[in-house]
PDB file of N, CA and C in Angstrom:
ATOM      1  N   MET A   1       0.890  62.762 217.726  1.00  0.00           N
ATOM      2  CA  MET A   1       0.956  63.116 216.325  1.00  0.00           C
ATOM      3  C   MET A   1       2.274  63.844 216.097  1.00  0.00           C
ATOM      4  N   ASP A   2       2.825  63.661 214.942  1.00  0.00           N
ATOM      5  CA  ASP A   2       4.081  64.343 214.653  1.00  0.00           C
ATOM      6  C   ASP A   2       3.798  65.770 214.179  1.00  0.00           C
ATOM      7  N   ARG A   3       4.859  66.536 213.987  1.00  0.00           N
ATOM      8  CA  ARG A   3       4.716  67.961 213.650  1.00  0.00           C
ATOM      9  C   ARG A   3       3.944  68.167 212.353  1.00  0.00           C
ATOM     10  N   ALA A   4       4.242  67.383 211.328  1.00  0.00           N
ATOM     11  CA  ALA A   4       3.564  67.531 210.036  1.00  0.00           C
ATOM     12  C   ALA A   4       2.069  67.262 210.167  1.00  0.00           C
ATOM     13  N   GLU A   5       1.710  66.209 210.923  1.00  0.00           N
ATOM     14  CA  GLU A   5       0.295  65.906 211.115  1.00  0.00           C
ATOM     15  C   GLU A   5      -0.388  67.020 211.909  1.00  0.00           C
ATOM     16  N   ALA A   6       0.289  67.543 212.927  1.00  0.00           N
ATOM     17  CA  ALA A   6      -0.281  68.639 213.721  1.00  0.00           C
ATOM     18  C   ALA A   6      -0.546  69.860 212.841  1.00  0.00           C
ATOM     19  N   LEU A   7       0.377  70.179 211.957  1.00  0.00           N
ATOM     20  CA  LEU A   7       0.176  71.309 211.041  1.00  0.00           C
ATOM     21  C   LEU A   7      -0.977  71.046 210.086  1.00  0.00           C
ATOM     22  N   ASN A   8      -1.084  69.822 209.568  1.00  0.00           N
ATOM     23  CA  ASN A   8      -2.190  69.476 208.672  1.00  0.00           C
ATOM     24  C   ASN A   8      -3.537  69.606 209.374  1.00  0.00           C
ATOM     25  N   VAL A   9      -3.611  69.118 210.606  1.00  0.00           N
ATOM     26  CA  VAL A   9      -4.851  69.216 211.371  1.00  0.00           C
ATOM     27  C   VAL A   9      -5.204  70.679 211.620  1.00  0.00           C
ATOM     28  N   LEU A  10      -4.224  71.467 211.988  1.00  0.00           N
ATOM     29  CA  LEU A  10      -4.461  72.894 212.221  1.00  0.00           C
ATOM     30  C   LEU A  10      -4.975  73.575 210.957  1.00  0.00           C
ATOM     31  N   HIS A  11      -4.388  73.269 209.818  1.00  0.00           N
ATOM     32  CA  HIS A  11      -4.847  73.848 208.548  1.00  0.00           C
ATOM     33  C   HIS A  11      -6.273  73.410 208.224  1.00  0.00           C
ATOM     34  N   GLU A  12      -6.600  72.151 208.501  1.00  0.00           N
ATOM     35  CA  GLU A  12      -7.971  71.680 208.279  1.00  0.00           C
ATOM     36  C   GLU A  12      -8.962  72.439 209.153  1.00  0.00           C
ATOM     37  N   ILE A  13      -8.610  72.624 210.412  1.00  0.00           N
ATOM     38  CA  ILE A  13      -9.487  73.361 211.325  1.00  0.00           C
ATOM     39  C   ILE A  13      -9.676  74.793 210.837  1.00  0.00           C
ATOM     40  N   LEU A  14      -8.592  75.428 210.446  1.00  0.00           N
ATOM     41  CA  LEU A  14      -8.681  76.806 209.952  1.00  0.00           C
ATOM     42  C   LEU A  14      -9.543  76.896 208.703  1.00  0.00           C
ATOM     43  N   GLU A  15      -9.399  75.932 207.805  1.00  0.00           N
ATOM     44  CA  GLU A  15     -10.161  75.949 206.551  1.00  0.00           C
ATOM     45  C   GLU A  15     -11.641  75.671 206.782  1.00  0.00           C
ATOM     46  N   GLU A  16     -11.934  74.643 207.565  1.00  0.00           N
ATOM     47  CA  GLU A  16     -13.327  74.231 207.774  1.00  0.00           C
ATOM     48  C   GLU A  16     -14.090  75.138 208.732  1.00  0.00           C
ATOM     49  N   CYS A  17     -13.396  75.713 209.675  1.00  0.00           N
ATOM     50  CA  CYS A  17     -14.074  76.423 210.768  1.00  0.00           C
ATOM     51  C   CYS A  17     -13.738  77.908 210.806  1.00  0.00           C
ATOM     52  N   LYS A  18     -13.349  78.473 209.688  1.00  0.00           N
ATOM     53  CA  LYS A  18     -12.888  79.862 209.692  1.00  0.00           C
ATOM     54  C   LYS A  18     -13.928  80.848 210.214  1.00  0.00           C
ATOM     55  N   GLU A  19     -15.190  80.563 210.042  1.00  0.00           N
ATOM     56  CA  GLU A  19     -16.239  81.458 210.532  1.00  0.00           C
ATOM     57  C   GLU A  19     -16.669  81.126 211.960  1.00  0.00           C
ATOM     58  N   SER A  20     -16.388  79.916 212.410  1.00  0.00           N
ATOM     59  CA  SER A  20     -16.891  79.454 213.697  1.00  0.00           C
ATOM     60  C   SER A  20     -15.935  79.660 214.868  1.00  0.00           C
ATOM     61  N   VAL A  21     -14.629  79.639 214.607  1.00  0.00           N
ATOM     62  CA  VAL A  21     -13.647  79.686 215.683  1.00  0.00           C
ATOM     63  C   VAL A  21     -12.780  80.930 215.536  1.00  0.00           C
ATOM     64  N   ILE A  22     -12.772  81.763 216.558  1.00  0.00           N
ATOM     65  CA  ILE A  22     -11.885  82.922 216.592  1.00  0.00           C
ATOM     66  C   ILE A  22     -10.719  82.564 217.496  1.00  0.00           C
ATOM     67  N   MET A  23      -9.536  82.473 216.909  1.00  0.00           N
ATOM     68  CA  MET A  23      -8.338  82.057 217.642  1.00  0.00           C
ATOM     69  C   MET A  23      -7.503  83.279 217.995  1.00  0.00           C
ATOM     70  N   ASN A  24      -7.167  83.399 219.268  1.00  0.00           N
ATOM     71  CA  ASN A  24      -6.307  84.490 219.726  1.00  0.00           C
ATOM     72  C   ASN A  24      -4.835  84.147 219.563  1.00  0.00           C
ATOM     73  N   SER A  25      -4.490  82.887 219.781  1.00  0.00           N
ATOM     74  CA  SER A  25      -3.124  82.415 219.570  1.00  0.00           C
ATOM     75  C   SER A  25      -3.146  80.908 219.357  1.00  0.00           C
ATOM     76  N   VAL A  26      -2.109  80.429 218.680  1.00  0.00           N
ATOM     77  CA  VAL A  26      -1.980  79.001 218.390  1.00  0.00           C
ATOM     78  C   VAL A  26      -0.527  78.616 218.584  1.00  0.00           C
ATOM     79  N   SER A  27      -0.303  77.444 219.195  1.00  0.00           N
ATOM     80  CA  SER A  27       1.060  76.934 219.300  1.00  0.00           C
ATOM     81  C   SER A  27       1.061  75.426 219.098  1.00  0.00           C
ATOM     82  N   LEU A  28       2.169  74.936 218.579  1.00  0.00           N
ATOM     83  CA  LEU A  28       2.410  73.497 218.490  1.00  0.00           C
ATOM     84  C   LEU A  28       3.423  73.196 219.579  1.00  0.00           C
ATOM     85  N   ASP A  29       2.991  72.468 220.585  1.00  0.00           N
ATOM     86  CA  ASP A  29       3.855  72.190 221.729  1.00  0.00           C
ATOM     87  C   ASP A  29       4.375  70.768 221.663  1.00  0.00           C
ATOM     88  N   ASN A  30       5.675  70.627 221.868  1.00  0.00           N
ATOM     89  CA  ASN A  30       6.306  69.322 221.887  1.00  0.00           C
ATOM     90  C   ASN A  30       5.988  68.659 223.213  1.00  0.00           C
ATOM     91  N   LEU A  31       5.488  67.440 223.168  1.00  0.00           N
ATOM     92  CA  LEU A  31       5.138  66.701 224.377  1.00  0.00           C
ATOM     93  C   LEU A  31       6.320  65.881 224.859  1.00  0.00           C
ATOM     94  N   PRO A  32       6.511  65.822 226.167  1.00  0.00           N
ATOM     95  CA  PRO A  32       7.533  64.897 226.665  1.00  0.00           C
ATOM     96  C   PRO A  32       7.085  63.468 226.378  1.00  0.00           C
ATOM     97  N   ASN A  33       8.006  62.566 226.223  1.00  0.00           N
ATOM     98  CA  ASN A  33       7.649  61.168 225.936  1.00  0.00           C
ATOM     99  C   ASN A  33       6.910  60.589 227.125  1.00  0.00           C
ATOM    100  N   SER A  34       5.648  60.296 226.909  1.00  0.00           N
ATOM    101  CA  SER A  34       4.836  59.655 227.934  1.00  0.00           C
ATOM    102  C   SER A  34       4.260  58.382 227.346  1.00  0.00           C
ATOM    103  N   GLY A  35       3.547  57.639 228.135  1.00  0.00           N
ATOM    104  CA  GLY A  35       3.047  56.344 227.694  1.00  0.00           C
ATOM    105  C   GLY A  35       2.097  56.405 226.526  1.00  0.00           C
ATOM    106  N   THR A  36       1.209  57.429 226.461  1.00  0.00           N
ATOM    107  CA  THR A  36       0.170  57.416 225.439  1.00  0.00           C
ATOM    108  C   THR A  36       0.328  58.494 224.375  1.00  0.00           C
ATOM    109  N   SER A  37       0.895  59.620 224.713  1.00  0.00           N
ATOM    110  CA  SER A  37       0.987  60.720 223.751  1.00  0.00           C
ATOM    111  C   SER A  37       2.440  60.964 223.378  1.00  0.00           C
ATOM    112  N   LYS A  38       2.702  61.043 222.093  1.00  0.00           N
ATOM    113  CA  LYS A  38       4.053  61.316 221.610  1.00  0.00           C
ATOM    114  C   LYS A  38       3.976  62.436 220.599  1.00  0.00           C
ATOM    115  N   GLY A  39       5.021  63.196 220.500  1.00  0.00           N
ATOM    116  CA  GLY A  39       5.088  64.214 219.473  1.00  0.00           C
ATOM    117  C   GLY A  39       4.540  65.548 219.911  1.00  0.00           C
ATOM    118  N   TYR A  40       3.560  66.054 219.166  1.00  0.00           N
ATOM    119  CA  TYR A  40       3.073  67.416 219.345  1.00  0.00           C
ATOM    120  C   TYR A  40       1.602  67.453 219.716  1.00  0.00           C
ATOM    121  N   GLN A  41       1.241  68.542 220.363  1.00  0.00           N
ATOM    122  CA  GLN A  41      -0.158  68.864 220.594  1.00  0.00           C
ATOM    123  C   GLN A  41      -0.404  70.260 220.053  1.00  0.00           C
ATOM    124  N   ILE A  42      -1.642  70.529 219.677  1.00  0.00           N
ATOM    125  CA  ILE A  42      -2.049  71.849 219.208  1.00  0.00           C
ATOM    126  C   ILE A  42      -2.718  72.551 220.378  1.00  0.00           C
ATOM    127  N   LYS A  43      -2.257  73.751 220.695  1.00  0.00           N
ATOM    128  CA  LYS A  43      -2.823  74.529 221.799  1.00  0.00           C
ATOM    129  C   LYS A  43      -3.352  75.842 221.229  1.00  0.00           C
ATOM    130  N   ILE A  44      -4.665  76.056 221.373  1.00  0.00           N
ATOM    131  CA  ILE A  44      -5.332  77.206 220.777  1.00  0.00           C
ATOM    132  C   ILE A  44      -6.005  78.017 221.877  1.00  0.00           C
ATOM    133  N   SER A  45      -5.731  79.301 221.895  1.00  0.00           N
ATOM    134  CA  SER A  45      -6.415  80.196 222.829  1.00  0.00           C
ATOM    135  C   SER A  45      -7.711  80.650 222.165  1.00  0.00           C
ATOM    136  N   CYS A  46      -8.838  80.066 222.630  1.00  0.00           N
ATOM    137  CA  CYS A  46     -10.145  80.395 222.069  1.00  0.00           C
ATOM    138  C   CYS A  46     -11.235  79.823 222.959  1.00  0.00           C
ATOM    139  N   ALA A  47     -12.445  80.243 222.713  1.00  0.00           N
ATOM    140  CA  ALA A  47     -13.614  79.681 223.397  1.00  0.00           C
ATOM    141  C   ALA A  47     -14.465  78.988 222.348  1.00  0.00           C
ATOM    142  N   LEU A  48     -14.891  77.776 222.632  1.00  0.00           N
ATOM    143  CA  LEU A  48     -15.715  77.020 221.698  1.00  0.00           C
ATOM    144  C   LEU A  48     -17.180  77.103 222.092  1.00  0.00           C
ATOM    145  N   ASP A  49     -18.023  77.322 221.089  1.00  0.00           N
ATOM    146  CA  ASP A  49     -19.460  77.222 221.307  1.00  0.00           C
ATOM    147  C   ASP A  49     -19.944  75.959 220.597  1.00  0.00           C
ATOM    148  N   SER A  50     -21.230  75.719 220.594  1.00  0.00           N
ATOM    149  CA  SER A  50     -21.735  74.472 220.004  1.00  0.00           C
ATOM    150  C   SER A  50     -21.455  74.392 218.502  1.00  0.00           C
ATOM    151  N   ALA A  51     -21.537  75.508 217.791  1.00  0.00           N
ATOM    152  CA  ALA A  51     -21.268  75.496 216.339  1.00  0.00           C
ATOM    153  C   ALA A  51     -19.810  75.161 216.052  1.00  0.00           C
ATOM    154  N   SER A  52     -18.893  75.742 216.807  1.00  0.00           N
ATOM    155  CA  SER A  52     -17.479  75.469 216.574  1.00  0.00           C
ATOM    156  C   SER A  52     -17.122  74.036 216.964  1.00  0.00           C
ATOM    157  N   ARG A  53     -17.752  73.511 218.012  1.00  0.00           N
ATOM    158  CA  ARG A  53     -17.530  72.111 218.390  1.00  0.00           C
ATOM    159  C   ARG A  53     -17.984  71.167 217.279  1.00  0.00           C
ATOM    160  N   GLN A  54     -19.152  71.458 216.692  1.00  0.00           N
ATOM    161  CA  GLN A  54     -19.665  70.629 215.592  1.00  0.00           C
ATOM    162  C   GLN A  54     -18.750  70.699 214.384  1.00  0.00           C
ATOM    163  N   CYS A  55     -18.122  71.820 214.185  1.00  0.00           N
ATOM    164  CA  CYS A  55     -17.207  71.998 213.059  1.00  0.00           C
ATOM    165  C   CYS A  55     -15.914  71.204 213.267  1.00  0.00           C
ATOM    166  N   ILE A  56     -15.400  71.197 214.485  1.00  0.00           N
ATOM    167  CA  ILE A  56     -14.127  70.545 214.782  1.00  0.00           C
ATOM    168  C   ILE A  56     -14.266  69.030 214.945  1.00  0.00           C
ATOM    169  N   GLU A  57     -15.401  68.567 215.433  1.00  0.00           N
ATOM    170  CA  GLU A  57     -15.590  67.152 215.767  1.00  0.00           C
ATOM    171  C   GLU A  57     -15.248  66.188 214.617  1.00  0.00           C
ATOM    172  N   PRO A  58     -15.711  66.414 213.376  1.00  0.00           N
ATOM    173  CA  PRO A  58     -15.355  65.470 212.296  1.00  0.00           C
ATOM    174  C   PRO A  58     -13.843  65.403 212.031  1.00  0.00           C
ATOM    175  N   ILE A  59     -13.151  66.513 212.207  1.00  0.00           N
ATOM    176  CA  ILE A  59     -11.699  66.540 212.003  1.00  0.00           C
ATOM    177  C   ILE A  59     -11.016  65.704 213.083  1.00  0.00           C
ATOM    178  N   LEU A  60     -11.488  65.842 214.319  1.00  0.00           N
ATOM    179  CA  LEU A  60     -10.920  65.068 215.418  1.00  0.00           C
ATOM    180  C   LEU A  60     -11.135  63.569 215.193  1.00  0.00           C
ATOM    181  N   LYS A  61     -12.338  63.203 214.773  1.00  0.00           N
ATOM    182  CA  LYS A  61     -12.639  61.787 214.515  1.00  0.00           C
ATOM    183  C   LYS A  61     -11.783  61.242 213.374  1.00  0.00           C
ATOM    184  N   LYS A  62     -11.655  62.014 212.320  1.00  0.00           N
ATOM    185  CA  LYS A  62     -10.878  61.592 211.145  1.00  0.00           C
ATOM    186  C   LYS A  62      -9.431  61.266 211.527  1.00  0.00           C
ATOM    187  N   HIS A  63      -8.848  62.096 212.397  1.00  0.00           N
ATOM    188  CA  HIS A  63      -7.440  61.931 212.776  1.00  0.00           C
ATOM    189  C   HIS A  63      -7.257  61.204 214.107  1.00  0.00           C
ATOM    190  N   LYS A  64      -8.374  60.762 214.718  1.00  0.00           N
ATOM    191  CA  LYS A  64      -8.348  60.056 216.007  1.00  0.00           C
ATOM    192  C   LYS A  64      -7.634  60.885 217.072  1.00  0.00           C
ATOM    193  N   LEU A  65      -8.165  62.077 217.298  1.00  0.00           N
ATOM    194  CA  LEU A  65      -7.575  63.014 218.248  1.00  0.00           C
ATOM    195  C   LEU A  65      -8.530  63.316 219.389  1.00  0.00           C
ATOM    196  N   LEU A  66      -7.978  63.759 220.500  1.00  0.00           N
ATOM    197  CA  LEU A  66      -8.749  64.182 221.671  1.00  0.00           C
ATOM    198  C   LEU A  66      -8.714  65.692 221.783  1.00  0.00           C
ATOM    199  N   LEU A  67      -9.795  66.248 222.292  1.00  0.00           N
ATOM    200  CA  LEU A  67      -9.871  67.687 222.552  1.00  0.00           C
ATOM    201  C   LEU A  67     -10.103  67.870 224.052  1.00  0.00           C
ATOM    202  N   LYS A  68      -9.275  68.721 224.663  1.00  0.00           N
ATOM    203  CA  LYS A  68      -9.437  69.085 226.069  1.00  0.00           C
ATOM    204  C   LYS A  68      -9.490  70.600 226.151  1.00  0.00           C
ATOM    205  N   GLU A  69     -10.192  71.088 227.155  1.00  0.00           N
ATOM    206  CA  GLU A  69     -10.233  72.522 227.402  1.00  0.00           C
ATOM    207  C   GLU A  69      -9.666  72.784 228.787  1.00  0.00           C
ATOM    208  N   SER A  70      -8.773  73.776 228.871  1.00  0.00           N
ATOM    209  CA  SER A  70      -8.134  74.092 230.138  1.00  0.00           C
ATOM    210  C   SER A  70      -7.713  75.553 230.167  1.00  0.00           C
ATOM    211  N   GLU A  71      -8.225  76.294 231.124  1.00  0.00           N
ATOM    212  CA  GLU A  71      -7.808  77.677 231.382  1.00  0.00           C
ATOM    213  C   GLU A  71      -7.820  78.554 230.132  1.00  0.00           C
ATOM    214  N   GLY A  72      -8.897  78.500 229.363  1.00  0.00           N
ATOM    215  CA  GLY A  72      -9.036  79.334 228.185  1.00  0.00           C
ATOM    216  C   GLY A  72      -8.361  78.798 226.934  1.00  0.00           C
ATOM    217  N   PHE A  73      -7.824  77.591 227.022  1.00  0.00           N
ATOM    218  CA  PHE A  73      -7.155  76.975 225.880  1.00  0.00           C
ATOM    219  C   PHE A  73      -7.890  75.718 225.459  1.00  0.00           C
ATOM    220  N   VAL A  74      -7.854  75.453 224.166  1.00  0.00           N
ATOM    221  CA  VAL A  74      -8.300  74.190 223.598  1.00  0.00           C
ATOM    222  C   VAL A  74      -7.034  73.439 223.235  1.00  0.00           C
ATOM    223  N   ILE A  75      -6.928  72.213 223.729  1.00  0.00           N
ATOM    224  CA  ILE A  75      -5.738  71.399 223.488  1.00  0.00           C
ATOM    225  C   ILE A  75      -6.154  70.162 222.703  1.00  0.00           C
ATOM    226  N   ILE A  76      -5.498  69.961 221.566  1.00  0.00           N
ATOM    227  CA  ILE A  76      -5.797  68.829 220.691  1.00  0.00           C
ATOM    228  C   ILE A  76      -4.555  67.953 220.636  1.00  0.00           C
ATOM    229  N   GLN A  77      -4.751  66.657 220.943  1.00  0.00           N
ATOM    230  CA  GLN A  77      -3.606  65.746 220.916  1.00  0.00           C
ATOM    231  C   GLN A  77      -4.073  64.351 220.555  1.00  0.00           C
ATOM    232  N   SER A  78      -3.103  63.469 220.318  1.00  0.00           N
ATOM    233  CA  SER A  78      -3.405  62.077 219.975  1.00  0.00           C
ATOM    234  C   SER A  78      -4.079  61.380 221.141  1.00  0.00           C
ATOM    235  N   MET A  79      -4.876  60.350 220.798  1.00  0.00           N
ATOM    236  CA  MET A  79      -5.544  59.543 221.829  1.00  0.00           C
ATOM    237  C   MET A  79      -4.522  58.713 222.587  1.00  0.00           C
TER     238      MET A  79
END
């Protein structure tokens, strides 16, 4: 996803899930050119529970994005 799309997705998550997700930090990281992912990923320092996952899932489906969790971070990027 490009930078503008990453920002739009982040704003959607913040708007829809403001009560469900407590974010400690957020970054838009530029990805090196690889075969499947180009552009930016959203990296959020937070812990997801079932309510926050349910809140984020429709946004991910709408934008065709993947969510990964690693070392206390939630990483959202293109499929």
